[in-house]
Amino acid sequence: MRKIALLPFVNALLRLFFGLFYKKKYLRGKYFEEKTMGWYWAWRGIKGKLFGDNRKVPWPVHTGTVVNGAENISFPQESIHVFQVPGCYWQAIDARINIGKNCHIAPNVGVITTNHDIHDPRRHVPGKDITIGDNCWVGMNSVILPGVVLGENTVVAAGAAVTKSFPEGHCVIGGVPAKIIKTMEK
């Protein structure tokens, strides 16, 4: 009984400490209040926050993951775990990335909103928003390219290059470029 009574106090102390590094609104939700993983992620992410690529990111990020354009990324608090996967690259420099609820991202996934100009690789073309719907699962070594919309319950097979949208969702997509492999019941 005593341990349960201390939990809110301990969470408040942890939120106060980690609030020195991250915005406090990102230190809430099930990973911080119902589970302890959030505090572990916050601790592990301090190195990247202070010395690494993620200095401007206001939430905990795995040190092996890079987030560019954090101000253009939106996600529900229960999906903060997608930034704890090693090797991922989130790039939202001049367009938005919108992530739905209960999404899962495997290691080494790239989500990029802009690309190089094919006529002059030193330049970038204008960015396009990316939306990943609720309950999506993006497999290892996949890339989601500018302008893609994945409808809810979309599974992206490992190694896929998603170059076009699948807004209807409820499907498994894969290949280079990705195409529908299987549809699922709604």
Protein backbone atom coordinates (compact mmCIF):
# COMPACT_ATOMS: atom_id res chain seq x y z
CA MET A 1 0.00 0.00 0.00
CA ARG A 2 2.83 2.40 0.84
CA LYS A 3 4.50 1.87 -2.55
CA ILE A 4 1.32 2.88 -4.40
CA ALA A 5 1.07 6.06 -2.35
CA LEU A 6 4.65 7.05 -3.32
CA LEU A 7 4.17 6.52 -7.05
CA PRO A 8 2.58 9.93 -7.83
CA PHE A 9 5.30 11.61 -5.75
CA VAL A 10 8.08 9.73 -7.56
CA ASN A 11 6.51 10.54 -10.93
CA ALA A 12 6.31 14.21 -9.96
CA LEU A 13 10.01 14.23 -9.01
CA LEU A 14 11.00 12.48 -12.24
CA ARG A 15 8.85 14.88 -14.27
CA LEU A 16 10.51 17.80 -12.51
CA PHE A 17 14.02 16.48 -13.22
CA PHE A 18 13.44 15.42 -16.82
CA GLY A 19 11.49 18.63 -17.39
CA LEU A 20 14.90 20.29 -17.44
CA PHE A 21 15.57 18.46 -20.73
CA TYR A 22 12.16 17.88 -22.31
CA LYS A 23 8.80 19.64 -22.45
CA LYS A 24 6.74 18.33 -19.55
CA LYS A 25 3.71 17.62 -21.73
CA TYR A 26 5.71 14.78 -23.33
CA LEU A 27 6.47 13.24 -19.93
CA ARG A 28 2.90 12.06 -19.39
CA GLY A 29 0.74 9.17 -20.52
CA LYS A 30 0.86 5.42 -20.10
CA TYR A 31 4.62 5.04 -20.62
CA PHE A 32 5.30 7.44 -17.75
CA GLU A 33 2.35 6.90 -15.42
CA GLU A 34 1.38 3.24 -15.89
CA LYS A 35 4.75 1.84 -17.00
CA THR A 36 8.34 2.81 -16.29
CA MET A 37 9.63 2.64 -19.88
CA GLY A 38 9.07 6.37 -20.43
CA TRP A 39 11.49 7.29 -17.67
CA TYR A 40 14.08 4.89 -19.06
CA TRP A 41 13.66 6.48 -22.52
CA ALA A 42 14.00 9.95 -21.01
CA TRP A 43 17.23 8.96 -19.25
CA ARG A 44 18.69 7.23 -22.30
CA GLY A 45 17.80 10.16 -24.56
CA ILE A 46 19.64 12.81 -22.53
CA LYS A 47 22.95 12.11 -24.31
CA GLY A 48 21.39 12.82 -27.73
CA LYS A 49 19.53 15.80 -26.30
CA LEU A 50 22.72 17.39 -24.97
CA PHE A 51 25.36 16.33 -27.48
CA GLY A 52 23.71 14.56 -30.42
CA ASP A 53 21.46 15.18 -33.39
CA ASN A 54 18.29 15.61 -31.32
CA ARG A 55 19.11 18.78 -29.37
CA LYS A 56 15.98 20.58 -30.60
CA VAL A 57 13.57 17.68 -30.04
CA PRO A 58 11.30 18.36 -27.04
CA TRP A 59 10.56 14.69 -26.27
CA PRO A 60 12.73 11.62 -25.49
CA VAL A 61 14.30 10.03 -28.58
CA HIS A 62 16.54 6.97 -28.88
CA THR A 63 20.15 8.05 -29.33
CA GLY A 64 20.38 5.99 -32.54
CA THR A 65 17.42 7.79 -34.10
CA VAL A 66 17.47 11.20 -35.79
CA VAL A 67 14.54 13.64 -35.76
CA ASN A 68 14.80 16.70 -38.02
CA GLY A 69 11.98 19.23 -37.91
CA ALA A 70 10.43 18.11 -34.62
CA GLU A 71 8.15 21.16 -34.63
CA ASN A 72 6.44 19.72 -37.73
CA ILE A 73 5.75 16.28 -36.24
CA SER A 74 2.50 15.56 -34.41
CA PHE A 75 1.55 12.41 -32.57
CA PRO A 76 -0.70 11.35 -29.69
CA GLN A 77 1.17 10.79 -26.44
CA GLU A 78 0.52 7.04 -26.57
CA SER A 79 2.61 6.85 -29.77
CA ILE A 80 5.80 8.35 -28.29
CA HIS A 81 7.30 4.85 -28.40
CA VAL A 82 7.83 5.17 -32.18
CA PHE A 83 10.77 7.49 -31.45
CA GLN A 84 12.46 4.90 -29.21
CA VAL A 85 13.39 2.60 -32.10
CA PRO A 86 17.07 2.61 -33.12
CA GLY A 87 18.20 3.63 -36.58
CA CYS A 88 15.09 5.54 -37.67
CA TYR A 89 15.23 8.84 -39.52
CA TRP A 90 12.33 11.30 -39.18
CA GLN A 91 12.65 14.31 -41.50
CA ALA A 92 9.94 16.97 -41.46
CA ILE A 93 11.88 20.09 -42.36
CA ASP A 94 9.35 21.89 -44.56
CA ALA A 95 6.22 19.71 -44.31
CA ARG A 96 4.35 17.83 -41.58
CA ILE A 97 4.43 14.25 -40.36
CA ASN A 98 1.21 13.19 -38.62
CA ILE A 99 1.29 9.92 -36.69
CA GLY A 100 -1.87 8.15 -35.52
CA LYS A 101 -2.65 6.17 -32.40
CA ASN A 102 -1.18 2.75 -31.72
CA CYS A 103 1.38 2.86 -34.54
CA HIS A 104 4.47 0.67 -34.56
CA ILE A 105 7.71 1.45 -36.32
CA ALA A 106 10.50 -1.11 -36.75
CA PRO A 107 14.23 -0.27 -36.75
CA ASN A 108 15.90 1.56 -39.64
CA VAL A 109 12.75 3.16 -41.04
CA GLY A 110 12.98 6.48 -42.89
CA VAL A 111 10.06 8.91 -42.99
CA ILE A 112 10.98 11.89 -45.18
CA THR A 113 8.85 14.82 -46.32
CA THR A 114 11.22 16.22 -48.95
CA ASN A 115 13.78 14.92 -51.38
CA HIS A 116 16.62 16.18 -53.54
CA ASP A 117 15.93 17.82 -56.89
CA ILE A 118 16.86 15.26 -59.56
CA HIS A 119 18.30 18.05 -61.73
CA ASP A 120 20.41 19.56 -58.94
CA PRO A 121 21.05 17.27 -55.94
CA ARG A 122 22.33 20.24 -53.91
CA ARG A 123 18.73 21.50 -53.74
CA HIS A 124 15.55 20.08 -52.27
CA VAL A 125 12.11 20.05 -53.86
CA PRO A 126 9.22 21.47 -51.79
CA GLY A 127 8.12 19.12 -49.03
CA LYS A 128 4.83 17.23 -48.85
CA ASP A 129 3.00 16.12 -45.70
CA ILE A 130 3.02 12.48 -44.60
CA THR A 131 0.19 10.90 -42.62
CA ILE A 132 0.45 7.54 -40.88
CA GLY A 133 -3.03 6.50 -39.74
CA ASP A 134 -4.10 4.73 -36.57
CA ASN A 135 -2.93 1.15 -35.96
CA CYS A 136 -0.28 1.15 -38.69
CA TRP A 137 2.81 -1.02 -38.59
CA VAL A 138 5.87 -0.06 -40.63
CA GLY A 139 8.37 -2.90 -41.10
CA MET A 140 12.14 -2.81 -40.81
CA ASN A 141 14.23 -0.98 -43.42
CA SER A 142 11.21 0.65 -45.05
CA VAL A 143 11.04 4.20 -46.33
CA ILE A 144 7.97 6.41 -46.53
CA LEU A 145 8.42 9.16 -49.09
CA PRO A 146 6.94 12.68 -49.41
CA GLY A 147 3.17 13.04 -49.73
CA VAL A 148 2.27 9.52 -48.61
CA VAL A 149 -0.96 8.90 -46.69
CA LEU A 150 -1.33 5.51 -45.01
CA GLY A 151 -4.89 4.81 -43.94
CA GLU A 152 -5.65 3.08 -40.66
CA ASN A 153 -4.58 -0.53 -40.19
CA THR A 154 -1.94 -0.45 -42.92
CA VAL A 155 1.00 -2.83 -42.62
CA VAL A 156 4.14 -1.88 -44.54
CA ALA A 157 6.30 -4.94 -45.27
CA ALA A 158 9.99 -4.87 -44.40
CA GLY A 159 12.15 -3.18 -47.01
CA ALA A 160 9.27 -1.46 -48.79
CA ALA A 161 9.61 1.89 -50.54
CA VAL A 162 6.27 3.63 -50.13
CA THR A 163 6.09 6.15 -52.97
CA LYS A 164 2.30 6.60 -53.18
CA SER A 165 -0.64 6.80 -50.80
CA PHE A 166 -2.88 4.00 -49.56
CA PRO A 167 -5.57 6.10 -47.84
CA GLU A 168 -8.14 3.29 -47.76
CA GLY A 169 -5.98 1.40 -45.26
CA HIS A 170 -6.79 -2.12 -44.04
CA CYS A 171 -4.09 -3.60 -46.24
CA VAL A 172 -0.60 -5.04 -46.35
CA ILE A 173 1.71 -3.24 -48.76
CA GLY A 174 5.22 -4.13 -49.82
CA GLY A 175 7.83 -4.02 -52.54
CA VAL A 176 9.74 -1.35 -54.41
CA PRO A 177 7.67 0.61 -55.14
CA ALA A 178 5.09 -0.58 -52.62
CA LYS A 179 1.83 -2.06 -53.84
CA ILE A 180 -1.06 -3.86 -52.15
CA ILE A 181 -0.16 -7.44 -51.28
CA LYS A 182 -3.26 -8.24 -49.27
CA THR A 183 -6.44 -6.48 -48.19
CA MET A 184 -7.85 -7.00 -44.71
CA GLU A 185 -11.41 -6.85 -43.46
CA LYS A 186 -12.57 -3.61 -41.93
